[in-house]
N, C-alpha and C. Protein backbone atom coordinates (compact mmCIF):
# COMPACT_ATOMS: atom_id res chain seq x y z
N UNK A 1 113.88 99.21 86.60
CA UNK A 1 112.98 98.56 87.54
C UNK A 1 111.71 99.39 87.75
N UNK A 2 111.84 100.72 87.66
CA UNK A 2 110.67 101.56 87.87
C UNK A 2 109.58 101.22 86.86
N UNK A 3 109.96 100.99 85.61
CA UNK A 3 108.98 100.67 84.57
C UNK A 3 108.20 99.43 84.94
N UNK A 4 108.87 98.42 85.46
CA UNK A 4 108.22 97.17 85.82
C UNK A 4 107.24 97.39 86.96
N UNK A 5 107.68 98.08 88.01
CA UNK A 5 106.80 98.33 89.15
C UNK A 5 105.63 99.23 88.78
N UNK A 6 105.89 100.22 87.94
CA UNK A 6 104.83 101.14 87.55
C UNK A 6 103.74 100.41 86.77
N UNK A 7 104.13 99.55 85.86
CA UNK A 7 103.13 98.80 85.08
C UNK A 7 102.40 97.79 85.94
N UNK A 8 103.04 97.31 86.97
CA UNK A 8 102.42 96.30 87.83
C UNK A 8 101.48 96.92 88.85
N UNK A 9 101.86 98.06 89.44
CA UNK A 9 101.09 98.59 90.57
C UNK A 9 100.30 99.86 90.27
N UNK A 10 100.56 100.52 89.18
CA UNK A 10 99.85 101.76 88.87
C UNK A 10 98.41 101.46 88.48
N UNK A 11 97.49 102.18 89.08
CA UNK A 11 96.07 101.99 88.75
C UNK A 11 95.77 102.57 87.37
N UNK A 12 96.40 103.69 87.06
CA UNK A 12 96.13 104.38 85.79
C UNK A 12 96.68 103.62 84.58
N UNK A 13 97.83 103.00 84.71
CA UNK A 13 98.48 102.36 83.57
C UNK A 13 98.64 100.85 83.77
N UNK A 14 97.76 100.26 84.50
CA UNK A 14 97.86 98.82 84.74
C UNK A 14 97.79 98.05 83.42
N UNK A 15 98.68 97.12 83.23
CA UNK A 15 98.74 96.31 82.02
C UNK A 15 98.22 94.91 82.34
N UNK A 16 97.20 94.47 81.61
CA UNK A 16 96.67 93.12 81.87
C UNK A 16 97.73 92.05 81.63
N UNK A 17 97.82 91.12 82.55
CA UNK A 17 98.73 89.97 82.47
C UNK A 17 100.20 90.39 82.36
N UNK A 18 100.54 91.55 82.92
CA UNK A 18 101.91 92.05 82.82
C UNK A 18 102.90 91.13 83.51
N UNK A 19 102.52 90.61 84.66
CA UNK A 19 103.41 89.71 85.39
C UNK A 19 103.72 88.47 84.55
N UNK A 20 102.70 87.92 83.91
CA UNK A 20 102.90 86.75 83.06
C UNK A 20 103.76 87.10 81.85
N UNK A 21 103.50 88.27 81.27
CA UNK A 21 104.26 88.69 80.09
C UNK A 21 105.74 88.91 80.40
N UNK A 22 106.05 89.26 81.63
CA UNK A 22 107.45 89.44 82.00
C UNK A 22 108.08 88.15 82.51
N UNK A 23 107.26 87.27 83.08
CA UNK A 23 107.79 86.03 83.64
C UNK A 23 108.19 85.03 82.56
N UNK A 24 107.45 85.00 81.46
CA UNK A 24 107.74 84.01 80.41
C UNK A 24 109.15 84.18 79.84
N UNK A 25 109.55 85.39 79.40
CA UNK A 25 110.94 85.51 78.91
C UNK A 25 111.98 85.25 80.00
N UNK A 26 111.68 85.67 81.23
CA UNK A 26 112.62 85.44 82.33
C UNK A 26 112.81 83.95 82.59
N UNK A 27 111.71 83.20 82.64
CA UNK A 27 111.81 81.75 82.87
C UNK A 27 112.46 81.04 81.69
N UNK A 28 112.20 81.54 80.48
CA UNK A 28 112.88 80.97 79.31
C UNK A 28 114.37 81.18 79.38
N UNK A 29 114.77 82.38 79.80
CA UNK A 29 116.20 82.69 79.95
C UNK A 29 116.82 81.82 81.05
N UNK A 30 116.10 81.64 82.13
CA UNK A 30 116.57 80.81 83.24
C UNK A 30 116.74 79.35 82.79
N UNK A 31 115.78 78.85 82.03
CA UNK A 31 115.87 77.48 81.52
C UNK A 31 117.05 77.32 80.57
N UNK A 32 117.25 78.29 79.69
CA UNK A 32 118.39 78.24 78.78
C UNK A 32 119.70 78.22 79.54
N UNK A 33 119.80 79.02 80.59
CA UNK A 33 121.01 79.03 81.41
C UNK A 33 121.25 77.68 82.07
N UNK A 34 120.20 77.04 82.55
CA UNK A 34 120.36 75.72 83.19
C UNK A 34 120.80 74.66 82.19
N UNK A 35 120.23 74.70 80.98
CA UNK A 35 120.61 73.72 79.96
C UNK A 35 122.05 73.93 79.53
N UNK A 36 122.47 75.18 79.33
CA UNK A 36 123.86 75.43 78.93
C UNK A 36 124.82 75.04 80.05
N UNK A 37 124.38 75.16 81.29
CA UNK A 37 125.24 74.76 82.41
C UNK A 37 125.50 73.25 82.39
N UNK A 38 124.54 72.49 81.91
CA UNK A 38 124.72 71.04 81.85
C UNK A 38 125.70 70.61 80.77
N UNK A 39 125.72 71.32 79.65
CA UNK A 39 126.46 70.82 78.49
C UNK A 39 127.71 71.61 78.11
N UNK A 40 127.90 72.81 78.66
CA UNK A 40 129.01 73.64 78.22
C UNK A 40 129.88 74.07 79.39
N UNK A 41 131.01 74.69 79.04
CA UNK A 41 131.96 75.15 80.06
C UNK A 41 131.43 76.41 80.75
N UNK A 42 132.12 76.78 81.83
CA UNK A 42 131.71 77.94 82.61
C UNK A 42 131.76 79.23 81.79
N UNK A 43 132.73 79.35 80.90
CA UNK A 43 132.84 80.57 80.09
C UNK A 43 131.64 80.73 79.16
N UNK A 44 131.21 79.63 78.57
CA UNK A 44 130.04 79.68 77.69
C UNK A 44 128.79 80.01 78.50
N UNK A 45 128.67 79.43 79.67
CA UNK A 45 127.51 79.69 80.54
C UNK A 45 127.47 81.16 80.94
N UNK A 46 128.61 81.72 81.33
CA UNK A 46 128.65 83.13 81.71
C UNK A 46 128.35 84.04 80.52
N UNK A 47 128.81 83.66 79.33
CA UNK A 47 128.53 84.46 78.13
C UNK A 47 127.04 84.45 77.80
N UNK A 48 126.42 83.28 77.87
CA UNK A 48 124.98 83.16 77.62
C UNK A 48 124.21 83.94 78.68
N UNK A 49 124.62 83.85 79.93
CA UNK A 49 123.97 84.58 81.00
C UNK A 49 124.06 86.08 80.81
N UNK A 50 125.24 86.56 80.40
CA UNK A 50 125.43 87.99 80.16
C UNK A 50 124.56 88.47 78.99
N UNK A 51 124.54 87.70 77.91
CA UNK A 51 123.71 88.07 76.77
C UNK A 51 122.22 88.08 77.15
N UNK A 52 121.81 87.12 77.95
CA UNK A 52 120.42 87.07 78.41
C UNK A 52 120.07 88.25 79.28
N UNK A 53 120.99 88.65 80.15
CA UNK A 53 120.76 89.81 81.02
C UNK A 53 120.66 91.10 80.20
N UNK A 54 121.51 91.23 79.21
CA UNK A 54 121.46 92.41 78.34
C UNK A 54 120.15 92.44 77.58
N UNK A 55 119.75 91.31 77.03
CA UNK A 55 118.49 91.21 76.29
C UNK A 55 117.30 91.57 77.18
N UNK A 56 117.25 91.02 78.37
CA UNK A 56 116.14 91.29 79.28
C UNK A 56 116.15 92.75 79.73
N UNK A 57 117.33 93.33 79.90
CA UNK A 57 117.44 94.74 80.25
C UNK A 57 116.93 95.64 79.14
N UNK A 58 117.23 95.31 77.89
CA UNK A 58 116.72 96.10 76.79
C UNK A 58 115.19 96.01 76.69
N UNK A 59 114.63 94.93 77.18
CA UNK A 59 113.17 94.82 77.16
C UNK A 59 112.54 95.90 78.02
N UNK A 60 113.19 96.32 79.09
CA UNK A 60 112.66 97.39 79.94
C UNK A 60 112.59 98.70 79.18
N UNK A 61 113.54 98.94 78.29
CA UNK A 61 113.56 100.19 77.55
C UNK A 61 112.67 100.18 76.32
N UNK A 62 112.28 99.02 75.86
CA UNK A 62 111.49 98.96 74.62
C UNK A 62 110.10 98.39 74.89
N UNK A 63 110.01 97.10 75.04
CA UNK A 63 108.71 96.43 75.10
C UNK A 63 107.90 96.85 76.32
N UNK A 64 108.50 96.86 77.51
CA UNK A 64 107.76 97.24 78.73
C UNK A 64 107.28 98.68 78.63
N UNK A 65 108.15 99.57 78.16
CA UNK A 65 107.78 100.98 78.02
C UNK A 65 106.65 101.13 77.00
N UNK A 66 106.71 100.41 75.90
CA UNK A 66 105.63 100.47 74.90
C UNK A 66 104.31 99.97 75.47
N UNK A 67 104.36 99.01 76.36
CA UNK A 67 103.14 98.54 77.03
C UNK A 67 102.54 99.66 77.88
N UNK A 68 103.38 100.40 78.59
CA UNK A 68 102.90 101.51 79.40
C UNK A 68 102.30 102.62 78.53
N UNK A 69 102.98 102.97 77.45
CA UNK A 69 102.49 104.02 76.57
C UNK A 69 101.14 103.62 75.97
N UNK A 70 100.99 102.36 75.61
CA UNK A 70 99.72 101.88 75.07
C UNK A 70 98.60 101.99 76.09
N UNK A 71 98.95 101.95 77.37
CA UNK A 71 97.94 102.03 78.43
C UNK A 71 97.77 103.44 78.98
N UNK A 72 98.38 104.44 78.37
CA UNK A 72 98.14 105.82 78.76
C UNK A 72 99.26 106.49 79.52
N UNK A 73 100.40 105.87 79.70
CA UNK A 73 101.52 106.50 80.42
C UNK A 73 102.11 107.60 79.56
N UNK A 74 102.37 108.75 80.17
CA UNK A 74 103.02 109.85 79.47
C UNK A 74 104.22 110.30 80.29
N UNK A 75 105.37 110.28 79.66
CA UNK A 75 106.59 110.68 80.36
C UNK A 75 106.62 112.20 80.49
N UNK A 76 106.93 112.68 81.69
CA UNK A 76 106.89 114.12 81.93
C UNK A 76 108.26 114.78 81.88
N UNK A 77 109.31 114.05 82.19
CA UNK A 77 110.64 114.69 82.21
C UNK A 77 111.53 114.15 81.13
C-alpha cells in the first residue's frame, strides 16, 4: 500500500494519471468477478477472486514500483 500512496501523494515522484492507471485493472477485476458470480458456482467465483487479488498484489511489486523508479524514486533500505 505504501507504494500506491507514495506515487499518489509524493511531490517528488508524482506519476501522471496514476489513479487512473491503477483504477482500470481494479475495475476490470471487479467486473470479471461480477460476471463470474452470475454464471458460475461460489467455488469458481472465490478462485477467480483469489487469482485476481494475487495478480493485483503483484502489480504493487512490479508495475507500480517501476512507475516510481521511472519518476526518480530511489529505495534507501
